[in-house]
C-alpha atoms as a PDB file:
ATOM      1  CA  MET A   1      15.224   0.623  -8.479  1.00  0.00           C
ATOM      2  CA  GLU A   2      12.982   3.584  -9.197  1.00  0.00           C
ATOM      3  CA  ARG A   3      12.243   5.582  -6.053  1.00  0.00           C
ATOM      4  CA  VAL A   4      10.086   8.614  -5.246  1.00  0.00           C
ATOM      5  CA  GLU A   5      10.110  10.342  -1.842  1.00  0.00           C
ATOM      6  CA  ILE A   6       7.024  12.309  -0.820  1.00  0.00           C
ATOM      7  CA  GLY A   7       7.603  14.493   2.203  1.00  0.00           C
ATOM      8  CA  GLN A   8       9.329  12.740   5.084  1.00  0.00           C
ATOM      9  CA  CYS A   9       6.721  10.000   5.581  1.00  0.00           C
ATOM     10  CA  CYS A  10       6.411   8.205   2.258  1.00  0.00           C
ATOM     11  CA  ILE A  11       8.752   6.399  -0.119  1.00  0.00           C
ATOM     12  CA  VAL A  12       7.381   4.735  -3.261  1.00  0.00           C
ATOM     13  CA  SER A  13       9.618   2.404  -5.249  1.00  0.00           C
ATOM     14  CA  TYR A  14       9.461  -0.238  -7.951  1.00  0.00           C
ATOM     15  CA  LEU A  15      10.846  -3.702  -7.162  1.00  0.00           C
ATOM     16  CA  PRO A  16      11.526  -5.188 -10.615  1.00  0.00           C
ATOM     17  CA  GLU A  17      12.583  -8.606  -9.277  1.00  0.00           C
ATOM     18  CA  VAL A  18       9.032  -9.069  -7.917  1.00  0.00           C
ATOM     19  CA  ALA A  19       7.151  -6.806 -10.394  1.00  0.00           C
ATOM     20  CA  THR A  20       5.770  -4.960  -7.372  1.00  0.00           C
ATOM     21  CA  ILE A  21       5.305  -1.372  -6.250  1.00  0.00           C
ATOM     22  CA  GLN A  22       6.428  -0.788  -2.672  1.00  0.00           C
ATOM     23  CA  VAL A  23       5.170   2.039  -0.476  1.00  0.00           C
ATOM     24  CA  GLU A  24       6.786   2.705   2.887  1.00  0.00           C
ATOM     25  CA  TRP A  25       4.930   4.877   5.404  1.00  0.00           C
ATOM     26  CA  CYS A  26       6.268   6.401   8.611  1.00  0.00           C
ATOM     27  CA  ASN A  27       4.644   8.265  11.465  1.00  0.00           C
ATOM     28  CA  MET A  28       1.311   9.889  10.572  1.00  0.00           C
ATOM     29  CA  PRO A  29       1.488  11.388   7.083  1.00  0.00           C
ATOM     30  CA  SER A  30      -0.427  14.572   6.404  1.00  0.00           C
ATOM     31  CA  THR A  31      -3.422  14.292   4.080  1.00  0.00           C
ATOM     32  CA  ASP A  32      -1.393  15.936   1.315  1.00  0.00           C
ATOM     33  CA  VAL A  33       1.497  13.474   1.695  1.00  0.00           C
ATOM     34  CA  PHE A  34      -0.884  10.518   1.999  1.00  0.00           C
ATOM     35  CA  GLN A  35      -2.762  11.387  -1.199  1.00  0.00           C
ATOM     36  CA  LYS A  36       0.399  12.241  -3.139  1.00  0.00           C
ATOM     37  CA  GLY A  37       1.974   8.976  -1.971  1.00  0.00           C
ATOM     38  CA  CYS A  38      -1.041   6.919  -2.994  1.00  0.00           C
ATOM     39  CA  ASN A  39      -1.199   8.682  -6.354  1.00  0.00           C
ATOM     40  CA  ALA A  40       2.516   8.014  -6.906  1.00  0.00           C
ATOM     41  CA  VAL A  41       1.780   4.313  -6.317  1.00  0.00           C
ATOM     42  CA  LEU A  42      -1.059   4.483  -8.856  1.00  0.00           C
ATOM     43  CA  ASP A  43       1.123   6.256 -11.437  1.00  0.00           C
ATOM     44  CA  MET A  44       3.814   3.585 -11.027  1.00  0.00           C
ATOM     45  CA  LEU A  45       1.238   0.747 -11.216  1.00  0.00           C
ATOM     46  CA  ILE A  46       0.082   2.124 -14.558  1.00  0.00           C
ATOM     47  CA  GLU A  47       3.571   2.891 -15.881  1.00  0.00           C
ATOM     48  CA  LYS A  48       4.997  -0.530 -14.962  1.00  0.00           C
ATOM     49  CA  LYS A  49       1.783  -2.443 -15.785  1.00  0.00           C
ATOM     50  CA  VAL A  50       1.848  -4.408 -12.522  1.00  0.00           C
ATOM     51  CA  SER A  51      -0.914  -5.632 -10.228  1.00  0.00           C
ATOM     52  CA  LYS A  52       0.945  -6.005  -6.906  1.00  0.00           C
ATOM     53  CA  VAL A  53       1.739  -3.575  -4.086  1.00  0.00           C
ATOM     54  CA  LEU A  54       3.792  -4.132  -0.957  1.00  0.00           C
ATOM     55  CA  VAL A  55       2.642  -1.728   1.783  1.00  0.00           C
ATOM     56  CA  ASP A  56       5.216  -1.349   4.557  1.00  0.00           C
ATOM     57  CA  ASN A  57       3.435   0.033   7.625  1.00  0.00           C
ATOM     58  CA  THR A  58       6.065  -1.047  10.151  1.00  0.00           C
ATOM     59  CA  LYS A  59       6.986   2.600  10.906  1.00  0.00           C
ATOM     60  CA  ALA A  60       3.498   4.082  10.516  1.00  0.00           C
ATOM     61  CA  LYS A  61       1.689   5.470  13.547  1.00  0.00           C
ATOM     62  CA  ILE A  62      -1.871   6.069  12.365  1.00  0.00           C
ATOM     63  CA  PHE A  63      -3.800   7.084   9.258  1.00  0.00           C
ATOM     64  CA  ALA A  64      -6.451   9.784   9.606  1.00  0.00           C
ATOM     65  CA  MET A  65     -10.065   8.631   9.151  1.00  0.00           C
ATOM     66  CA  LYS A  66     -10.607  11.103   6.285  1.00  0.00           C
ATOM     67  CA  ASP A  67      -7.547   9.638   4.527  1.00  0.00           C
ATOM     68  CA  GLN A  68      -8.856   6.089   4.967  1.00  0.00           C
ATOM     69  CA  GLN A  69     -12.209   7.221   3.549  1.00  0.00           C
ATOM     70  CA  TRP A  70     -10.517   8.887   0.564  1.00  0.00           C
ATOM     71  CA  LEU A  71      -8.498   5.702  -0.037  1.00  0.00           C
ATOM     72  CA  ASN A  72     -11.641   3.531  -0.054  1.00  0.00           C
ATOM     73  CA  ASP A  73     -13.925   5.870  -1.992  1.00  0.00           C
ATOM     74  CA  ASN A  74     -11.511   7.519  -4.425  1.00  0.00           C
ATOM     75  CA  TRP A  75      -8.130   5.867  -4.767  1.00  0.00           C
ATOM     76  CA  LEU A  76      -8.846   2.124  -4.531  1.00  0.00           C
ATOM     77  CA  PRO A  77     -11.527   2.126  -7.246  1.00  0.00           C
ATOM     78  CA  ARG A  78      -9.099   3.926  -9.590  1.00  0.00           C
ATOM     79  CA  ALA A  79      -6.255   1.571  -8.644  1.00  0.00           C
ATOM     80  CA  GLU A  80      -8.386  -1.529  -9.154  1.00  0.00           C
ATOM     81  CA  LYS A  81      -9.485  -0.194 -12.550  1.00  0.00           C
ATOM     82  CA  ALA A  82      -5.786   0.201 -13.404  1.00  0.00           C
ATOM     83  CA  GLY A  83      -5.141  -3.468 -12.532  1.00  0.00           C
ATOM     84  CA  TYR A  84      -4.316  -3.441  -8.791  1.00  0.00           C
ATOM     85  CA  GLN A  85      -5.190  -6.948  -7.538  1.00  0.00           C
ATOM     86  CA  TYR A  86      -2.744  -7.998  -4.804  1.00  0.00           C
ATOM     87  CA  SER A  87      -1.637  -6.235  -1.645  1.00  0.00           C
ATOM     88  CA  ALA A  88       0.912  -7.501   0.861  1.00  0.00           C
ATOM     89  CA  THR A  89       0.809  -5.374   3.991  1.00  0.00           C
ATOM     90  CA  VAL A  90       3.763  -5.579   6.354  1.00  0.00           C
ATOM     91  CA  LEU A  91       2.669  -4.700   9.860  1.00  0.00           C
ATOM     92  CA  GLY A  92       5.513  -6.028  11.992  1.00  0.00           C
ATOM     93  CA  ASN A  93       4.778  -4.826  15.517  1.00  0.00           C
ATOM     94  CA  SER A  94       2.713  -1.865  14.318  1.00  0.00           C
ATOM     95  CA  ASP A  95       0.480   0.208  16.506  1.00  0.00           C
ATOM     96  CA  ALA A  96      -2.973  -1.348  17.096  1.00  0.00           C
ATOM     97  CA  PHE A  97      -4.619   1.602  15.308  1.00  0.00           C
ATOM     98  CA  VAL A  98      -2.537   0.961  12.173  1.00  0.00           C
ATOM     99  CA  LYS A  99      -3.501  -2.731  12.234  1.00  0.00           C
ATOM    100  CA  PHE A 100      -7.173  -1.844  12.679  1.00  0.00           C
ATOM    101  CA  ALA A 101      -7.113   0.736   9.865  1.00  0.00           C
ATOM    102  CA  THR A 102      -5.375  -1.698   7.518  1.00  0.00           C
ATOM    103  CA  GLN A 103      -7.895  -4.452   8.245  1.00  0.00           C
ATOM    104  CA  SER A 104     -10.813  -2.049   7.918  1.00  0.00           C
ATOM    105  CA  ILE A 105      -9.647  -0.935   4.468  1.00  0.00           C
ATOM    106  CA  ALA A 106      -9.076  -4.530   3.304  1.00  0.00           C
ATOM    107  CA  ASN A 107     -12.493  -5.661   4.544  1.00  0.00           C
ATOM    108  CA  LYS A 108     -14.237  -3.144   2.267  1.00  0.00           C
ATOM    109  CA  ARG A 109     -12.730  -4.592  -0.931  1.00  0.00           C
ATOM    110  CA  ASP A 110     -14.365  -7.170  -3.204  1.00  0.00           C
ATOM    111  CA  LYS A 111     -12.485 -10.358  -2.278  1.00  0.00           C
ATOM    112  CA  THR A 112     -13.177 -11.890  -5.706  1.00  0.00           C
ATOM    113  CA  LYS A 113     -11.200  -9.070  -7.368  1.00  0.00           C
ATOM    114  CA  PHE A 114      -8.705  -8.023  -4.689  1.00  0.00           C
ATOM    115  CA  ILE A 115      -6.534 -10.134  -2.399  1.00  0.00           C
ATOM    116  CA  ASN A 116      -4.843  -8.643   0.650  1.00  0.00           C
ATOM    117  CA  ARG A 117      -2.596 -10.482   3.071  1.00  0.00           C
ATOM    118  CA  SER A 118      -0.838  -9.158   6.162  1.00  0.00           C
ATOM    119  CA  PHE A 119       2.672 -10.177   7.182  1.00  0.00           C
ATOM    120  CA  LYS A 120       5.026  -9.664  10.120  1.00  0.00           C
ATOM    121  CA  SER A 121       8.082  -9.220   7.888  1.00  0.00           C
ATOM    122  CA  LYS A 122       8.934  -7.841   4.484  1.00  0.00           C
ATOM    123  CA  SER A 123      10.709 -11.081   3.524  1.00  0.00           C
ATOM    124  CA  GLU A 124       7.500 -13.096   4.117  1.00  0.00           C
ATOM    125  CA  ALA A 125       5.512 -10.597   2.040  1.00  0.00           C
ATOM    126  CA  LEU A 126       8.016 -10.790  -0.823  1.00  0.00           C
ATOM    127  CA  VAL A 127       7.879 -14.595  -0.888  1.00  0.00           C
ATOM    128  CA  TRP A 128       4.087 -14.425  -1.237  1.00  0.00           C
ATOM    129  CA  LEU A 129       4.225 -11.724  -3.922  1.00  0.00           C
ATOM    130  CA  LYS A 130       6.806 -13.709  -5.918  1.00  0.00           C
ATOM    131  CA  SER A 131       4.472 -16.724  -5.860  1.00  0.00           C
ATOM    132  CA  LEU A 132       1.703 -14.817  -7.677  1.00  0.00           C
END
């Protein structure tokens, strides 16, 4: 499994058995770590030619509003152009702010081109991703 660690709050890895990029967030990443982590996901999406991402937010605390804005306005359009189509977000018992931010980001995407589903566990998310 390929794995890239960005700071102490982000791990990006490739899951070949599911043809999926996984990003694991913890606490509240700085803007620098957040953008580098997202860009590492994008680089791996392009390199591996995959369309699926598993976002593990079970250890995340909150994402800054400016980072959410950057994700929507800058990163997601580039990722979608590169083939990003499916997102499985694992929330577990995440903080209410993390759940709200995740839903807010998903609601701004074109649902005919991008499908996002939220899950309580990573195993449920992987079953869904394998079915695609």
